Each structure stands twice: as structure tokens, then as C-alpha cells.
Amino acid sequence: MRRERPPKYPPQAVRERMEGEVVLKVLVGLDGKPEEIILDRSSGYEELDRASIAAVKRWDFNVGMENGSPIRGYVLVPMQFNLNQ
């Protein structure tokens, strides 16, 4: 995966001191764009989950290759929300 911008911490989540990890399962298309984003593991907070999905929708991924040809494939994307970082 290329280095992409992390999700923005939602202001409400900061105010309410929400922290956690979100894991997304992303189907990467032949062009490196996410074709499907599935919430694999929730942080327990809808605001953090939504922020993760919104960020990944704008990402470009490295395309998988098989026998020299690009292929679609799933990747797991973990995202940490920690107010002390």
C-alpha cells in the first residue's frame, strides 16, 4: 500500500475521548482504487469507523500481480485512533 493520508479524528470523538482500532477489508481494483470497503472489525464507535471508511475511499493502493498481470484482491487495513499520539 502506498503512503496515504490517515483518517481525520472526528471532533466529536476527540471531545468524548473515543479511542480504538478499526480494521477494514478492502477490495483493490486493477487501477489501485478501492472497489469495496467492508468493516472487518469495529472500533466500537461509529464515528471512528465512518472516518476510516471515508479516508480509505480516497486512497490508491499498489495493485496485486500474478504471472505479470494485475489482479484484484483484498487487503486488511488496520487503523489506530489514539488521542495520545
N, C-alpha and C. Protein backbone atom coordinates (compact mmCIF):
# COMPACT_ATOMS: atom_id res chain seq x y z
N MET A 1 0.85 -1.18 0.00
CA MET A 1 0.00 0.00 0.00
C MET A 1 0.89 1.23 0.00
N ARG A 2 0.49 2.21 -0.76
CA ARG A 2 1.22 3.47 -0.77
C ARG A 2 0.93 4.24 0.51
N ARG A 3 1.82 5.18 0.82
CA ARG A 3 1.56 6.02 1.99
C ARG A 3 0.43 6.97 1.66
N GLU A 4 -0.61 6.91 2.43
CA GLU A 4 -1.79 7.73 2.21
C GLU A 4 -2.11 8.52 3.48
N ARG A 5 -2.95 9.51 3.31
CA ARG A 5 -3.33 10.35 4.44
C ARG A 5 -4.16 9.55 5.43
N PRO A 6 -3.83 9.62 6.70
CA PRO A 6 -4.63 8.90 7.70
C PRO A 6 -5.99 9.57 7.85
N PRO A 7 -6.92 8.88 8.46
CA PRO A 7 -8.24 9.49 8.66
C PRO A 7 -8.15 10.65 9.64
N LYS A 8 -9.04 11.62 9.45
CA LYS A 8 -9.11 12.73 10.39
C LYS A 8 -9.88 12.26 11.62
N TYR A 9 -9.37 12.64 12.79
CA TYR A 9 -10.05 12.30 14.04
C TYR A 9 -11.32 13.14 14.11
N PRO A 10 -12.49 12.53 14.16
CA PRO A 10 -13.72 13.31 14.22
C PRO A 10 -13.77 14.17 15.49
N PRO A 11 -14.15 15.44 15.36
CA PRO A 11 -14.18 16.33 16.53
C PRO A 11 -15.00 15.79 17.70
N GLN A 12 -16.15 15.19 17.41
CA GLN A 12 -16.97 14.62 18.48
C GLN A 12 -16.22 13.50 19.20
N ALA A 13 -15.48 12.69 18.44
CA ALA A 13 -14.71 11.60 19.03
C ALA A 13 -13.61 12.13 19.94
N VAL A 14 -13.01 13.25 19.56
CA VAL A 14 -11.98 13.86 20.41
C VAL A 14 -12.61 14.36 21.71
N ARG A 15 -13.73 15.07 21.56
CA ARG A 15 -14.42 15.61 22.76
C ARG A 15 -14.82 14.50 23.72
N GLU A 16 -15.26 13.39 23.17
CA GLU A 16 -15.75 12.29 24.00
C GLU A 16 -14.65 11.26 24.32
N ARG A 17 -13.41 11.58 23.94
CA ARG A 17 -12.24 10.75 24.27
C ARG A 17 -12.35 9.33 23.72
N MET A 18 -12.87 9.19 22.50
CA MET A 18 -13.01 7.86 21.88
C MET A 18 -11.67 7.42 21.31
N GLU A 19 -11.31 6.17 21.56
CA GLU A 19 -10.10 5.58 21.02
C GLU A 19 -10.42 4.15 20.60
N GLY A 20 -9.60 3.60 19.72
CA GLY A 20 -9.79 2.22 19.33
C GLY A 20 -9.14 1.92 18.00
N GLU A 21 -9.31 0.68 17.56
CA GLU A 21 -8.75 0.25 16.29
C GLU A 21 -9.88 -0.20 15.37
N VAL A 22 -9.80 0.25 14.13
CA VAL A 22 -10.73 -0.16 13.08
C VAL A 22 -9.93 -1.02 12.11
N VAL A 23 -10.53 -2.12 11.65
CA VAL A 23 -9.91 -2.93 10.61
C VAL A 23 -10.89 -3.00 9.44
N LEU A 24 -10.41 -2.55 8.29
CA LEU A 24 -11.22 -2.58 7.07
C LEU A 24 -10.69 -3.64 6.12
N LYS A 25 -11.60 -4.31 5.44
CA LYS A 25 -11.24 -5.26 4.39
C LYS A 25 -11.56 -4.56 3.08
N VAL A 26 -10.53 -4.34 2.26
CA VAL A 26 -10.66 -3.53 1.07
C VAL A 26 -10.37 -4.37 -0.18
N LEU A 27 -11.31 -4.34 -1.13
CA LEU A 27 -11.08 -4.97 -2.42
C LEU A 27 -10.42 -3.94 -3.32
N VAL A 28 -9.17 -4.20 -3.68
CA VAL A 28 -8.40 -3.29 -4.52
C VAL A 28 -8.59 -3.69 -5.98
N GLY A 29 -9.02 -2.72 -6.79
CA GLY A 29 -9.25 -2.97 -8.20
C GLY A 29 -7.98 -2.95 -9.02
N LEU A 30 -8.13 -3.21 -10.29
CA LEU A 30 -6.98 -3.25 -11.20
C LEU A 30 -6.30 -1.89 -11.34
N ASP A 31 -7.02 -0.82 -11.02
CA ASP A 31 -6.45 0.53 -11.09
C ASP A 31 -5.91 1.01 -9.75
N GLY A 32 -5.95 0.15 -8.72
CA GLY A 32 -5.45 0.52 -7.40
C GLY A 32 -6.46 1.24 -6.54
N LYS A 33 -7.65 1.46 -7.06
CA LYS A 33 -8.71 2.15 -6.31
C LYS A 33 -9.53 1.11 -5.53
N PRO A 34 -10.02 1.50 -4.34
CA PRO A 34 -10.87 0.57 -3.60
C PRO A 34 -12.22 0.38 -4.31
N GLU A 35 -12.57 -0.85 -4.57
CA GLU A 35 -13.85 -1.17 -5.20
C GLU A 35 -14.91 -1.49 -4.16
N GLU A 36 -14.47 -2.01 -3.03
CA GLU A 36 -15.39 -2.40 -1.96
C GLU A 36 -14.66 -2.21 -0.64
N ILE A 37 -15.35 -1.66 0.35
CA ILE A 37 -14.77 -1.47 1.68
C ILE A 37 -15.73 -2.08 2.68
N ILE A 38 -15.23 -3.05 3.43
CA ILE A 38 -16.03 -3.77 4.41
C ILE A 38 -15.45 -3.51 5.80
N LEU A 39 -16.30 -3.21 6.75
CA LEU A 39 -15.87 -3.04 8.13
C LEU A 39 -15.63 -4.44 8.70
N ASP A 40 -14.36 -4.83 8.81
CA ASP A 40 -14.00 -6.16 9.30
C ASP A 40 -14.07 -6.22 10.82
N ARG A 41 -13.59 -5.14 11.47
CA ARG A 41 -13.66 -5.06 12.94
C ARG A 41 -13.88 -3.61 13.34
N SER A 42 -14.93 -3.38 14.07
CA SER A 42 -15.30 -2.04 14.50
C SER A 42 -14.47 -1.61 15.71
N SER A 43 -14.28 -0.30 15.81
CA SER A 43 -13.64 0.27 16.99
C SER A 43 -14.59 0.29 18.17
N GLY A 44 -15.87 0.10 17.87
CA GLY A 44 -16.89 0.23 18.89
C GLY A 44 -17.54 1.62 18.87
N TYR A 45 -17.02 2.48 17.99
CA TYR A 45 -17.54 3.84 17.86
C TYR A 45 -17.83 4.11 16.39
N GLU A 46 -19.08 4.42 16.08
CA GLU A 46 -19.48 4.65 14.70
C GLU A 46 -18.70 5.80 14.06
N GLU A 47 -18.39 6.84 14.84
CA GLU A 47 -17.66 7.99 14.31
C GLU A 47 -16.28 7.59 13.79
N LEU A 48 -15.57 6.75 14.54
CA LEU A 48 -14.23 6.31 14.13
C LEU A 48 -14.32 5.38 12.93
N ASP A 49 -15.31 4.51 12.93
CA ASP A 49 -15.49 3.59 11.80
C ASP A 49 -15.76 4.38 10.52
N ARG A 50 -16.66 5.36 10.60
CA ARG A 50 -17.00 6.17 9.41
C ARG A 50 -15.80 6.97 8.91
N ALA A 51 -15.01 7.53 9.85
CA ALA A 51 -13.83 8.31 9.45
C ALA A 51 -12.82 7.43 8.72
N SER A 52 -12.67 6.19 9.15
CA SER A 52 -11.76 5.25 8.49
C SER A 52 -12.21 4.95 7.07
N ILE A 53 -13.48 4.66 6.92
CA ILE A 53 -14.02 4.33 5.60
C ILE A 53 -13.89 5.53 4.66
N ALA A 54 -14.20 6.72 5.16
CA ALA A 54 -14.10 7.93 4.33
C ALA A 54 -12.67 8.15 3.85
N ALA A 55 -11.69 7.91 4.71
CA ALA A 55 -10.29 8.10 4.32
C ALA A 55 -9.87 7.09 3.25
N VAL A 56 -10.21 5.83 3.46
CA VAL A 56 -9.78 4.77 2.54
C VAL A 56 -10.41 4.93 1.16
N LYS A 57 -11.61 5.52 1.09
CA LYS A 57 -12.25 5.74 -0.22
C LYS A 57 -11.38 6.59 -1.13
N ARG A 58 -10.50 7.43 -0.56
CA ARG A 58 -9.66 8.32 -1.36
C ARG A 58 -8.26 7.76 -1.60
N TRP A 59 -7.95 6.60 -1.06
CA TRP A 59 -6.60 6.05 -1.18
C TRP A 59 -6.38 5.37 -2.52
N ASP A 60 -5.10 5.29 -2.89
CA ASP A 60 -4.64 4.49 -4.02
C ASP A 60 -3.75 3.39 -3.46
N PHE A 61 -4.00 2.17 -3.86
CA PHE A 61 -3.25 1.02 -3.37
C PHE A 61 -2.33 0.50 -4.47
N ASN A 62 -1.31 -0.22 -4.07
CA ASN A 62 -0.49 -0.95 -5.03
C ASN A 62 -1.31 -2.14 -5.53
N VAL A 63 -1.31 -2.33 -6.80
CA VAL A 63 -2.10 -3.41 -7.40
C VAL A 63 -1.35 -4.73 -7.26
N GLY A 64 -2.10 -5.79 -6.94
CA GLY A 64 -1.50 -7.12 -6.87
C GLY A 64 -1.15 -7.62 -8.26
N MET A 65 -0.15 -8.45 -8.31
CA MET A 65 0.29 -9.00 -9.60
C MET A 65 0.32 -10.52 -9.50
N GLU A 66 -0.05 -11.16 -10.60
CA GLU A 66 0.03 -12.62 -10.69
C GLU A 66 0.46 -12.97 -12.11
N ASN A 67 1.59 -13.65 -12.23
CA ASN A 67 2.14 -14.02 -13.54
C ASN A 67 2.30 -12.80 -14.44
N GLY A 68 2.71 -11.68 -13.85
CA GLY A 68 2.97 -10.47 -14.61
C GLY A 68 1.75 -9.64 -14.97
N SER A 69 0.58 -10.06 -14.52
CA SER A 69 -0.64 -9.31 -14.82
C SER A 69 -1.27 -8.79 -13.53
N PRO A 70 -1.87 -7.60 -13.58
CA PRO A 70 -2.53 -7.06 -12.39
C PRO A 70 -3.77 -7.88 -12.05
N ILE A 71 -4.03 -8.01 -10.75
CA ILE A 71 -5.21 -8.74 -10.28
C ILE A 71 -5.91 -7.94 -9.19
N ARG A 72 -7.19 -8.16 -9.06
CA ARG A 72 -7.95 -7.60 -7.95
C ARG A 72 -7.69 -8.47 -6.73
N GLY A 73 -7.72 -7.86 -5.56
CA GLY A 73 -7.52 -8.64 -4.35
C GLY A 73 -7.88 -7.86 -3.10
N TYR A 74 -8.10 -8.60 -2.03
CA TYR A 74 -8.45 -7.99 -0.74
C TYR A 74 -7.21 -7.74 0.10
N VAL A 75 -7.24 -6.64 0.83
CA VAL A 75 -6.21 -6.34 1.83
C VAL A 75 -6.92 -5.92 3.11
N LEU A 76 -6.28 -6.21 4.24
CA LEU A 76 -6.78 -5.73 5.53
C LEU A 76 -6.04 -4.45 5.89
N VAL A 77 -6.80 -3.45 6.31
CA VAL A 77 -6.21 -2.15 6.63
C VAL A 77 -6.58 -1.82 8.09
N PRO A 78 -5.62 -1.95 9.02
CA PRO A 78 -5.88 -1.56 10.41
C PRO A 78 -5.62 -0.07 10.59
N MET A 79 -6.43 0.57 11.41
CA MET A 79 -6.27 2.00 11.70
C MET A 79 -6.43 2.22 13.19
N GLN A 80 -5.44 2.85 13.78
CA GLN A 80 -5.45 3.15 15.20
C GLN A 80 -5.92 4.58 15.44
N PHE A 81 -6.80 4.74 16.37
CA PHE A 81 -7.21 6.07 16.85
C PHE A 81 -6.76 6.17 18.29
N ASN A 82 -5.77 7.02 18.51
CA ASN A 82 -5.18 7.16 19.84
C ASN A 82 -4.98 8.64 20.10
N LEU A 83 -5.59 9.18 21.11
CA LEU A 83 -5.51 10.61 21.40
C LEU A 83 -4.15 11.02 21.93
N ASN A 84 -3.32 10.10 22.34
CA ASN A 84 -2.00 10.43 22.90
C ASN A 84 -0.89 10.41 21.87
N GLN A 85 -1.22 10.29 20.60
CA GLN A 85 -0.18 10.26 19.56
C GLN A 85 -0.11 11.59 18.86
